[in-house]
PDB file of all heavy atoms in Angstrom:
ATOM      1  N   SER A   1      72.431 189.968  39.982  1.00  0.00           N
ATOM      2  CA  SER A   1      71.538 189.687  38.893  1.00  0.00           C
ATOM      3  C   SER A   1      72.248 189.210  37.620  1.00  0.00           C
ATOM      4  O   SER A   1      71.597 188.653  36.714  1.00  0.00           O
ATOM      5  CB  SER A   1      70.679 190.908  38.563  1.00  0.00           C
ATOM      6  OG  SER A   1      71.490 192.008  38.208  1.00  0.00           O
ATOM      7  N   VAL A   2      73.564 189.429  37.522  1.00  0.00           N
ATOM      8  CA  VAL A   2      74.292 189.060  36.311  1.00  0.00           C
ATOM      9  C   VAL A   2      75.382 188.049  36.558  1.00  0.00           C
ATOM     10  O   VAL A   2      76.055 187.608  35.614  1.00  0.00           O
ATOM     11  CB  VAL A   2      74.883 190.309  35.601  1.00  0.00           C
ATOM     12  CG1 VAL A   2      73.798 191.348  35.353  1.00  0.00           C
ATOM     13  CG2 VAL A   2      76.019 190.894  36.385  1.00  0.00           C
ATOM     14  N   LYS A   3      75.597 187.661  37.793  1.00  0.00           N
ATOM     15  CA  LYS A   3      76.659 186.687  38.122  1.00  0.00           C
ATOM     16  C   LYS A   3      76.453 185.407  37.339  1.00  0.00           C
ATOM     17  O   LYS A   3      75.353 184.868  37.269  1.00  0.00           O
ATOM     18  CB  LYS A   3      76.664 186.416  39.634  1.00  0.00           C
ATOM     19  CG  LYS A   3      77.386 187.430  40.447  1.00  0.00           C
ATOM     20  CD  LYS A   3      77.370 187.048  41.932  1.00  0.00           C
ATOM     21  CE  LYS A   3      78.054 188.087  42.771  1.00  0.00           C
ATOM     22  NZ  LYS A   3      77.971 187.795  44.223  1.00  0.00           N
ATOM     23  N   GLY A   4      77.541 184.929  36.754  1.00  0.00           N
ATOM     24  CA  GLY A   4      77.465 183.681  35.999  1.00  0.00           C
ATOM     25  C   GLY A   4      77.050 183.884  34.561  1.00  0.00           C
ATOM     26  O   GLY A   4      77.116 182.948  33.758  1.00  0.00           O
ATOM     27  N   ARG A   5      76.562 185.088  34.225  1.00  0.00           N
ATOM     28  CA  ARG A   5      76.116 185.358  32.851  1.00  0.00           C
ATOM     29  C   ARG A   5      76.977 186.388  32.154  1.00  0.00           C
ATOM     30  O   ARG A   5      77.171 186.337  30.936  1.00  0.00           O
ATOM     31  CB  ARG A   5      74.656 185.826  32.836  1.00  0.00           C
ATOM     32  CG  ARG A   5      73.681 184.846  33.458  1.00  0.00           C
ATOM     33  CD  ARG A   5      72.237 185.277  33.227  1.00  0.00           C
ATOM     34  NE  ARG A   5      71.934 186.560  33.883  1.00  0.00           N
ATOM     35  CZ  ARG A   5      71.500 187.638  33.246  1.00  0.00           C
ATOM     36  NH1 ARG A   5      71.330 187.607  31.930  1.00  0.00           N
ATOM     37  NH2 ARG A   5      71.230 188.753  33.917  1.00  0.00           N
ATOM     38  N   PHE A   6      77.452 187.377  32.879  1.00  0.00           N
ATOM     39  CA  PHE A   6      78.252 188.475  32.327  1.00  0.00           C
ATOM     40  C   PHE A   6      79.702 188.339  32.740  1.00  0.00           C
ATOM     41  O   PHE A   6      79.989 187.826  33.841  1.00  0.00           O
ATOM     42  CB  PHE A   6      77.723 189.820  32.818  1.00  0.00           C
ATOM     43  CG  PHE A   6      76.395 190.230  32.259  1.00  0.00           C
ATOM     44  CD1 PHE A   6      75.560 189.363  31.570  1.00  0.00           C
ATOM     45  CD2 PHE A   6      75.953 191.538  32.460  1.00  0.00           C
ATOM     46  CE1 PHE A   6      74.325 189.759  31.088  1.00  0.00           C
ATOM     47  CE2 PHE A   6      74.724 191.961  31.954  1.00  0.00           C
ATOM     48  CZ  PHE A   6      73.920 191.056  31.287  1.00  0.00           C
ATOM     49  N   ALA A   7      80.595 188.833  31.899  1.00  0.00           N
ATOM     50  CA  ALA A   7      82.024 188.835  32.226  1.00  0.00           C
ATOM     51  C   ALA A   7      82.637 190.183  31.793  1.00  0.00           C
ATOM     52  O   ALA A   7      82.546 190.548  30.616  1.00  0.00           O
ATOM     53  CB  ALA A   7      82.742 187.699  31.571  1.00  0.00           C
ATOM     54  N   ILE A   8      83.248 190.863  32.762  1.00  0.00           N
ATOM     55  CA  ILE A   8      83.922 192.098  32.460  1.00  0.00           C
ATOM     56  C   ILE A   8      85.416 191.824  32.255  1.00  0.00           C
ATOM     57  O   ILE A   8      85.995 190.973  32.921  1.00  0.00           O
ATOM     58  CB  ILE A   8      83.720 193.141  33.577  1.00  0.00           C
ATOM     59  CG1 ILE A   8      84.240 194.503  33.214  1.00  0.00           C
ATOM     60  CG2 ILE A   8      84.311 192.654  34.915  1.00  0.00           C
ATOM     61  CD1 ILE A   8      83.884 195.611  34.206  1.00  0.00           C
ATOM     62  N   SER A   9      86.032 192.509  31.311  1.00  0.00           N
ATOM     63  CA  SER A   9      87.443 192.350  31.072  1.00  0.00           C
ATOM     64  C   SER A   9      88.000 193.664  30.507  1.00  0.00           C
ATOM     65  O   SER A   9      87.249 194.568  30.137  1.00  0.00           O
ATOM     66  CB  SER A   9      87.714 191.217  30.073  1.00  0.00           C
ATOM     67  OG  SER A   9      87.124 191.455  28.829  1.00  0.00           O
ATOM     68  N   ARG A  10      89.311 193.762  30.471  1.00  0.00           N
ATOM     69  CA  ARG A  10      89.943 194.947  29.978  1.00  0.00           C
ATOM     70  C   ARG A  10      91.189 194.631  29.193  1.00  0.00           C
ATOM     71  O   ARG A  10      91.853 193.622  29.478  1.00  0.00           O
ATOM     72  CB  ARG A  10      90.304 195.885  31.154  1.00  0.00           C
ATOM     73  CG  ARG A  10      91.326 195.326  32.155  1.00  0.00           C
ATOM     74  CD  ARG A  10      91.402 196.208  33.396  1.00  0.00           C
ATOM     75  NE  ARG A  10      91.786 197.578  33.084  1.00  0.00           N
ATOM     76  CZ  ARG A  10      91.555 198.610  33.873  1.00  0.00           C
ATOM     77  NH1 ARG A  10      90.956 198.446  35.046  1.00  0.00           N
ATOM     78  NH2 ARG A  10      91.932 199.826  33.516  1.00  0.00           N
ATOM     79  N   ASP A  11      91.471 195.437  28.181  1.00  0.00           N
ATOM     80  CA  ASP A  11      92.697 195.318  27.411  1.00  0.00           C
ATOM     81  C   ASP A  11      93.469 196.642  27.563  1.00  0.00           C
ATOM     82  O   ASP A  11      93.125 197.636  26.880  1.00  0.00           O
ATOM     83  CB  ASP A  11      92.351 195.036  25.929  1.00  0.00           C
ATOM     84  CG  ASP A  11      93.581 194.795  25.095  1.00  0.00           C
ATOM     85  OD1 ASP A  11      94.680 195.213  25.493  1.00  0.00           O
ATOM     86  OD2 ASP A  11      93.425 194.226  24.017  1.00  0.00           O
ATOM     87  N   ASN A  12      94.397 196.668  28.439  1.00  0.00           N
ATOM     88  CA  ASN A  12      95.114 197.923  28.707  1.00  0.00           C
ATOM     89  C   ASN A  12      95.958 198.372  27.533  1.00  0.00           C
ATOM     90  O   ASN A  12      96.239 199.561  27.374  1.00  0.00           O
ATOM     91  CB  ASN A  12      95.995 197.761  29.944  1.00  0.00           C
ATOM     92  CG  ASN A  12      95.188 197.664  31.242  1.00  0.00           C
ATOM     93  OD1 ASN A  12      94.043 198.105  31.295  1.00  0.00           O
ATOM     94  ND2 ASN A  12      95.783 197.057  32.256  1.00  0.00           N
ATOM     95  N   ALA A  13      96.375 197.470  26.660  1.00  0.00           N
ATOM     96  CA  ALA A  13      97.132 197.850  25.481  1.00  0.00           C
ATOM     97  C   ALA A  13      96.265 198.621  24.483  1.00  0.00           C
ATOM     98  O   ALA A  13      96.778 199.430  23.710  1.00  0.00           O
ATOM     99  CB  ALA A  13      97.708 196.621  24.798  1.00  0.00           C
ATOM    100  N   ARG A  14      94.958 198.357  24.525  1.00  0.00           N
ATOM    101  CA  ARG A  14      94.021 199.026  23.624  1.00  0.00           C
ATOM    102  C   ARG A  14      93.139 200.070  24.308  1.00  0.00           C
ATOM    103  O   ARG A  14      92.271 200.639  23.691  1.00  0.00           O
ATOM    104  CB  ARG A  14      93.134 197.983  22.918  1.00  0.00           C
ATOM    105  CG  ARG A  14      93.866 197.097  21.930  1.00  0.00           C
ATOM    106  CD  ARG A  14      92.891 196.113  21.272  1.00  0.00           C
ATOM    107  NE  ARG A  14      93.466 195.504  20.099  1.00  0.00           N
ATOM    108  CZ  ARG A  14      94.276 194.446  20.135  1.00  0.00           C
ATOM    109  NH1 ARG A  14      94.609 193.928  21.296  1.00  0.00           N
ATOM    110  NH2 ARG A  14      94.761 193.923  19.027  1.00  0.00           N
ATOM    111  N   ASP A  15      93.394 200.265  25.621  1.00  0.00           N
ATOM    112  CA  ASP A  15      92.576 201.218  26.376  1.00  0.00           C
ATOM    113  C   ASP A  15      91.082 200.946  26.198  1.00  0.00           C
ATOM    114  O   ASP A  15      90.262 201.845  25.986  1.00  0.00           O
ATOM    115  CB  ASP A  15      92.861 202.678  25.963  1.00  0.00           C
ATOM    116  CG  ASP A  15      94.263 203.136  26.375  1.00  0.00           C
ATOM    117  OD1 ASP A  15      94.910 202.445  27.163  1.00  0.00           O
ATOM    118  OD2 ASP A  15      94.671 204.215  25.917  1.00  0.00           O
ATOM    119  N   THR A  16      90.741 199.684  26.293  1.00  0.00           N
ATOM    120  CA  THR A  16      89.366 199.269  26.038  1.00  0.00           C
ATOM    121  C   THR A  16      88.855 198.338  27.144  1.00  0.00           C
ATOM    122  O   THR A  16      89.567 197.440  27.594  1.00  0.00           O
ATOM    123  CB  THR A  16      89.259 198.569  24.682  1.00  0.00           C
ATOM    124  OG1 THR A  16      89.731 199.446  23.650  1.00  0.00           O
ATOM    125  CG2 THR A  16      87.790 198.205  24.358  1.00  0.00           C
ATOM    126  N   LEU A  17      87.608 198.580  27.499  1.00  0.00           N
ATOM    127  CA  LEU A  17      86.892 197.781  28.474  1.00  0.00           C
ATOM    128  C   LEU A  17      85.819 196.985  27.734  1.00  0.00           C
ATOM    129  O   LEU A  17      85.238 197.502  26.786  1.00  0.00           O
ATOM    130  CB  LEU A  17      86.235 198.703  29.517  1.00  0.00           C
ATOM    131  CG  LEU A  17      85.421 198.071  30.620  1.00  0.00           C
ATOM    132  CD1 LEU A  17      86.343 197.399  31.642  1.00  0.00           C
ATOM    133  CD2 LEU A  17      84.558 199.137  31.320  1.00  0.00           C
ATOM    134  N   TYR A  18      85.560 195.752  28.199  1.00  0.00           N
ATOM    135  CA  TYR A  18      84.566 194.893  27.560  1.00  0.00           C
ATOM    136  C   TYR A  18      83.569 194.378  28.549  1.00  0.00           C
ATOM    137  O   TYR A  18      83.852 194.297  29.769  1.00  0.00           O
ATOM    138  CB  TYR A  18      85.255 193.710  26.885  1.00  0.00           C
ATOM    139  CG  TYR A  18      86.274 194.074  25.858  1.00  0.00           C
ATOM    140  CD1 TYR A  18      87.625 194.035  26.145  1.00  0.00           C
ATOM    141  CD2 TYR A  18      85.892 194.440  24.574  1.00  0.00           C
ATOM    142  CE1 TYR A  18      88.579 194.387  25.177  1.00  0.00           C
ATOM    143  CE2 TYR A  18      86.823 194.790  23.598  1.00  0.00           C
ATOM    144  CZ  TYR A  18      88.164 194.756  23.927  1.00  0.00           C
ATOM    145  OH  TYR A  18      89.091 195.105  22.966  1.00  0.00           O
ATOM    146  N   LEU A  19      82.401 194.035  28.040  1.00  0.00           N
ATOM    147  CA  LEU A  19      81.408 193.314  28.844  1.00  0.00           C
ATOM    148  C   LEU A  19      80.805 192.238  27.949  1.00  0.00           C
ATOM    149  O   LEU A  19      80.062 192.559  27.012  1.00  0.00           O
ATOM    150  CB  LEU A  19      80.322 194.229  29.371  1.00  0.00           C
ATOM    151  CG  LEU A  19      79.310 193.587  30.312  1.00  0.00           C
ATOM    152  CD1 LEU A  19      79.992 193.183  31.622  1.00  0.00           C
ATOM    153  CD2 LEU A  19      78.126 194.498  30.593  1.00  0.00           C
ATOM    154  N   GLN A  20      81.148 190.995  28.233  1.00  0.00           N
ATOM    155  CA  GLN A  20      80.531 189.873  27.519  1.00  0.00           C
ATOM    156  C   GLN A  20      79.263 189.472  28.258  1.00  0.00           C
ATOM    157  O   GLN A  20      79.297 189.179  29.458  1.00  0.00           O
ATOM    158  CB  GLN A  20      81.497 188.677  27.482  1.00  0.00           C
ATOM    159  CG  GLN A  20      80.927 187.431  26.817  1.00  0.00           C
ATOM    160  CD  GLN A  20      80.710 187.641  25.337  1.00  0.00           C
ATOM    161  OE1 GLN A  20      81.524 188.187  24.645  1.00  0.00           O
ATOM    162  NE2 GLN A  20      79.538 187.188  24.844  1.00  0.00           N
ATOM    163  N   MET A  21      78.151 189.506  27.534  1.00  0.00           N
ATOM    164  CA  MET A  21      76.848 189.231  28.138  1.00  0.00           C
ATOM    165  C   MET A  21      76.262 188.005  27.492  1.00  0.00           C
ATOM    166  O   MET A  21      75.989 188.000  26.258  1.00  0.00           O
ATOM    167  CB  MET A  21      75.918 190.431  27.974  1.00  0.00           C
ATOM    168  CG  MET A  21      76.498 191.720  28.503  1.00  0.00           C
ATOM    169  SD  MET A  21      75.295 193.086  28.448  1.00  0.00           S
ATOM    170  CE  MET A  21      75.064 193.245  26.707  1.00  0.00           C
ATOM    171  N   ASN A  22      76.045 186.966  28.261  1.00  0.00           N
ATOM    172  CA  ASN A  22      75.478 185.711  27.773  1.00  0.00           C
ATOM    173  C   ASN A  22      74.155 185.450  28.489  1.00  0.00           C
ATOM    174  O   ASN A  22      73.837 186.049  29.506  1.00  0.00           O
ATOM    175  CB  ASN A  22      76.434 184.561  28.032  1.00  0.00           C
ATOM    176  CG  ASN A  22      77.776 184.715  27.339  1.00  0.00           C
ATOM    177  OD1 ASN A  22      77.850 185.234  26.226  1.00  0.00           O
ATOM    178  ND2 ASN A  22      78.828 184.274  28.001  1.00  0.00           N
ATOM    179  N   SER A  23      73.377 184.528  27.933  1.00  0.00           N
ATOM    180  CA  SER A  23      72.064 184.162  28.524  1.00  0.00           C
ATOM    181  C   SER A  23      71.247 185.387  28.853  1.00  0.00           C
ATOM    182  O   SER A  23      70.697 185.493  29.959  1.00  0.00           O
ATOM    183  CB  SER A  23      72.293 183.284  29.762  1.00  0.00           C
ATOM    184  OG  SER A  23      73.061 182.137  29.466  1.00  0.00           O
ATOM    185  N   LEU A  24      71.157 186.265  27.909  1.00  0.00           N
ATOM    186  CA  LEU A  24      70.491 187.539  28.173  1.00  0.00           C
ATOM    187  C   LEU A  24      68.984 187.325  28.454  1.00  0.00           C
ATOM    188  O   LEU A  24      68.357 186.434  27.875  1.00  0.00           O
ATOM    189  CB  LEU A  24      70.674 188.487  26.993  1.00  0.00           C
ATOM    190  CG  LEU A  24      72.038 189.189  26.970  1.00  0.00           C
ATOM    191  CD1 LEU A  24      72.329 189.713  25.571  1.00  0.00           C
ATOM    192  CD2 LEU A  24      72.105 190.305  27.986  1.00  0.00           C
TER     193      LEU A  24
END
């Protein structure tokens, strides 16, 4: 349901996980 619209990423130096959500 989110393929092509959402992108998960991580920054291990900052111990942080992200979720970029487009075309909501």
